[in-house]
């Protein structure tokens, strides 16, 4: 019942393959100030706890929060129950830089990436599971058929890598689509030489 509810309301599919979970965690190169989005039943969490310092979680589902507290007592005081999209990221690590990781809910994955863009001066790295179609679009190069708004906005400030394709058979409930893990690493660009709002407006206008 809990998993069906998660799928219906949160767009979340729970990863069941431990090797893939470990691969995702191992792909994160930053080990201090790490924020996990949507920890669910803790398949990534259990590998992050012993390998990271100043680790925190944002989880919107109260049942998942209860499960995490019950099974990972070391997370006391480290779980923020709420909506990542509405969470002020400057407060989580006291305005310090941090890394983001998660098996991101498919129905809000684009919004998560737009929030990454808006907080690019805080978020140094992102390792995330996305619907494969979204992952392909994000890491697409200029001239590709899948090249889009997020490709342009994020590539201005991040170096992006497609890491692995994940079959739908390793999730519960099983989604109808394949998934993929990508990594975003903040580059050295601080200023594009134009107002950011003008840059965003031109990019969106061009693709519309």
Protein backbone atom coordinates (compact mmCIF):
# COMPACT_ATOMS: atom_id res chain seq x y z
CA UNK A 1 0.00 0.00 0.00
CA UNK A 2 2.78 2.38 0.93
CA UNK A 3 4.60 1.86 -2.40
CA UNK A 4 1.43 2.27 -4.47
CA UNK A 5 0.67 5.51 -2.66
CA UNK A 6 4.20 6.75 -3.32
CA UNK A 7 3.89 6.01 -7.02
CA UNK A 8 0.53 7.72 -7.33
CA UNK A 9 1.26 10.86 -5.38
CA UNK A 10 5.02 11.29 -5.45
CA UNK A 11 6.03 9.78 -8.78
CA UNK A 12 8.57 7.70 -6.91
CA UNK A 13 9.81 4.23 -7.83
CA UNK A 14 11.96 2.45 -5.27
CA UNK A 15 15.30 1.06 -6.41
CA UNK A 16 15.81 -2.54 -5.31
CA UNK A 17 19.23 -3.33 -6.81
CA UNK A 18 21.96 -2.89 -4.21
CA UNK A 19 24.81 -2.86 -6.73
CA UNK A 20 23.24 0.01 -8.65
CA UNK A 21 22.57 1.85 -5.40
CA UNK A 22 26.22 1.54 -4.43
CA UNK A 23 27.32 2.65 -7.92
CA UNK A 24 25.21 5.80 -7.58
CA UNK A 25 26.72 6.63 -4.19
CA UNK A 26 30.25 5.87 -5.40
CA UNK A 27 29.71 8.31 -8.29
CA UNK A 28 29.42 11.19 -5.84
CA UNK A 29 32.88 12.69 -5.51
CA UNK A 30 32.01 15.17 -2.75
CA UNK A 31 31.74 13.61 0.71
CA UNK A 32 31.02 16.58 2.96
CA UNK A 33 27.78 18.57 3.07
CA UNK A 34 25.64 16.08 1.15
CA UNK A 35 21.88 16.38 0.71
CA UNK A 36 19.75 13.45 -0.40
CA UNK A 37 16.36 14.12 -1.97
CA UNK A 38 13.59 11.60 -1.42
CA UNK A 39 15.42 8.91 0.54
CA UNK A 40 12.36 6.64 0.55
CA UNK A 41 13.33 3.38 2.23
CA UNK A 42 17.00 4.29 2.45
CA UNK A 43 18.53 2.26 -0.39
CA UNK A 44 21.07 5.03 -1.06
CA UNK A 45 21.02 6.35 2.50
CA UNK A 46 22.61 3.27 4.04
CA UNK A 47 25.66 3.73 1.81
CA UNK A 48 25.80 7.49 2.30
CA UNK A 49 25.71 7.50 6.11
CA UNK A 50 29.11 5.81 6.66
CA UNK A 51 30.86 7.58 3.77
CA UNK A 52 29.78 11.21 4.15
CA UNK A 53 30.01 13.92 6.77
CA UNK A 54 27.31 16.49 7.47
CA UNK A 55 24.76 14.38 5.62
CA UNK A 56 21.11 15.47 5.50
CA UNK A 57 17.87 14.39 3.83
CA UNK A 58 14.81 16.17 2.48
CA UNK A 59 11.84 13.80 2.40
CA UNK A 60 8.23 14.81 1.75
CA UNK A 61 6.56 11.49 2.63
CA UNK A 62 5.77 11.13 6.34
CA UNK A 63 5.75 7.31 6.16
CA UNK A 64 9.25 7.33 4.68
CA UNK A 65 10.39 9.71 7.42
CA UNK A 66 9.03 7.33 10.07
CA UNK A 67 10.75 4.38 8.40
CA UNK A 68 14.09 6.22 8.18
CA UNK A 69 13.97 7.27 11.83
CA UNK A 70 13.12 3.71 12.88
CA UNK A 71 15.83 2.04 10.82
CA UNK A 72 18.58 4.66 10.86
CA UNK A 73 18.70 6.20 14.35
CA UNK A 74 21.90 8.03 13.40
CA UNK A 75 19.74 10.29 11.21
CA UNK A 76 18.21 11.99 14.22
CA UNK A 77 18.09 15.72 13.52
CA UNK A 78 19.25 15.22 9.93
CA UNK A 79 15.90 14.68 8.17
CA UNK A 80 13.97 17.67 6.89
CA UNK A 81 10.37 16.66 6.33
CA UNK A 82 9.03 18.76 3.51
CA UNK A 83 9.01 19.61 -0.18
CA UNK A 84 12.47 20.07 -1.68
CA UNK A 85 11.08 22.52 -4.21
CA UNK A 86 9.86 24.76 -1.38
CA UNK A 87 12.92 24.33 0.83
CA UNK A 88 15.38 27.18 1.29
CA UNK A 89 18.72 25.64 0.37
CA UNK A 90 20.77 28.40 1.96
CA UNK A 91 19.62 27.33 5.42
CA UNK A 92 20.37 23.61 5.24
CA UNK A 93 24.16 23.93 5.40
CA UNK A 94 24.31 27.53 6.67
CA UNK A 95 24.98 28.95 3.21
CA UNK A 96 27.90 26.55 2.61
CA UNK A 97 28.41 24.70 -0.66
CA UNK A 98 27.00 21.18 -0.88
CA UNK A 99 26.34 18.19 -3.15
CA UNK A 100 22.97 16.76 -4.13
CA UNK A 101 22.09 13.10 -4.66
CA UNK A 102 18.95 11.06 -5.10
CA UNK A 103 16.64 8.76 -6.98
CA UNK A 104 14.60 11.75 -8.07
CA UNK A 105 10.81 11.50 -8.45
CA UNK A 106 10.17 11.50 -12.19
CA UNK A 107 7.22 13.89 -12.03
CA UNK A 108 9.30 16.74 -10.58
CA UNK A 109 12.76 15.95 -11.97
CA UNK A 110 12.76 18.93 -14.34
CA UNK A 111 11.75 21.24 -11.51
CA UNK A 112 14.56 19.84 -9.36
CA UNK A 113 17.06 20.66 -12.10
CA UNK A 114 15.70 24.18 -12.51
CA UNK A 115 16.19 24.62 -8.76
CA UNK A 116 19.76 23.35 -9.14
CA UNK A 117 20.32 26.02 -11.78
CA UNK A 118 18.87 28.70 -9.50
CA UNK A 119 21.22 27.56 -6.71
CA UNK A 120 24.28 26.87 -8.85
CA UNK A 121 26.48 29.00 -6.58
CA UNK A 122 25.73 26.63 -3.70
CA UNK A 123 25.45 23.23 -5.40
CA UNK A 124 28.85 21.95 -6.49
CA UNK A 125 27.80 18.52 -7.70
CA UNK A 126 24.66 16.52 -8.48
CA UNK A 127 24.36 12.76 -8.92
CA UNK A 128 20.85 11.68 -9.71
CA UNK A 129 18.60 9.02 -11.15
CA UNK A 130 16.23 10.33 -13.80
CA UNK A 131 13.87 8.99 -16.40
CA UNK A 132 16.21 8.13 -19.29
CA UNK A 133 14.46 10.55 -21.64
CA UNK A 134 15.10 13.40 -19.20
CA UNK A 135 18.72 12.36 -18.63
CA UNK A 136 19.35 12.22 -22.38
CA UNK A 137 17.87 15.68 -22.81
CA UNK A 138 19.88 17.20 -19.97
CA UNK A 139 23.29 15.97 -21.17
CA UNK A 140 22.54 16.51 -24.88
CA UNK A 141 25.04 18.49 -26.92
CA UNK A 142 24.31 21.36 -29.28
CA UNK A 143 22.84 20.08 -32.54
CA UNK A 144 21.27 17.01 -30.95
CA UNK A 145 17.54 16.44 -31.44
CA UNK A 146 17.13 16.22 -27.66
CA UNK A 147 19.00 19.48 -26.97
CA UNK A 148 16.72 21.78 -24.98
CA UNK A 149 16.33 24.54 -22.41
CA UNK A 150 17.81 22.58 -19.50
CA UNK A 151 20.73 21.46 -21.67
CA UNK A 152 21.70 25.07 -22.37
CA UNK A 153 21.07 26.51 -18.91
CA UNK A 154 22.89 23.78 -17.00
CA UNK A 155 25.80 23.34 -19.42
CA UNK A 156 26.67 27.01 -18.96
CA UNK A 157 27.62 26.29 -15.35
CA UNK A 158 28.07 22.52 -15.08
CA UNK A 159 30.06 19.79 -16.78
CA UNK A 160 27.56 16.97 -17.30
CA UNK A 161 28.10 13.23 -17.68
CA UNK A 162 25.82 10.34 -18.54
CA UNK A 163 26.92 7.53 -16.21
CA UNK A 164 24.73 4.43 -16.52
CA UNK A 165 21.43 3.22 -17.93
CA UNK A 166 19.17 1.53 -15.37
CA UNK A 167 16.54 -1.02 -16.52
CA UNK A 168 12.98 -0.72 -15.23
CA UNK A 169 13.16 -4.23 -13.76
CA UNK A 170 15.16 -3.07 -10.72
CA UNK A 171 12.40 -0.85 -9.32
CA UNK A 172 9.32 -1.44 -7.21
CA UNK A 173 6.79 -0.59 -8.49
CA UNK A 174 8.25 -1.14 -11.95
CA UNK A 175 8.02 1.99 -14.14
CA UNK A 176 7.16 1.78 -17.83
CA UNK A 177 10.37 3.57 -18.78
CA UNK A 178 14.10 3.06 -18.38
CA UNK A 179 16.13 5.26 -16.08
CA UNK A 180 19.61 6.72 -16.15
CA UNK A 181 22.12 8.18 -13.71
CA UNK A 182 23.86 11.44 -14.60
CA UNK A 183 26.41 13.62 -12.83
CA UNK A 184 26.70 17.41 -12.89
CA UNK A 185 29.94 19.03 -11.74
CA UNK A 186 30.14 22.78 -11.23
CA UNK A 187 32.60 24.42 -13.60
CA UNK A 188 34.57 27.63 -13.05
CA UNK A 189 32.10 29.99 -14.74
CA UNK A 190 30.99 32.73 -12.36
CA UNK A 191 29.56 35.29 -14.75
CA UNK A 192 28.25 34.97 -18.31
CA UNK A 193 28.76 38.65 -18.98
CA UNK A 194 25.00 39.28 -19.23
CA UNK A 195 22.19 39.48 -16.72
CA UNK A 196 21.09 35.99 -15.78
CA UNK A 197 17.41 36.79 -16.26
CA UNK A 198 18.18 37.97 -19.81
CA UNK A 199 20.11 34.76 -20.50
CA UNK A 200 17.23 32.59 -19.25
CA UNK A 201 14.64 34.60 -21.17
CA UNK A 202 16.56 34.37 -24.45
CA UNK A 203 17.09 30.62 -24.08
CA UNK A 204 13.43 29.95 -23.30
CA UNK A 205 12.30 32.21 -26.13
CA UNK A 206 14.61 30.50 -28.61
CA UNK A 207 13.22 27.05 -27.85
CA UNK A 208 9.62 28.19 -27.68
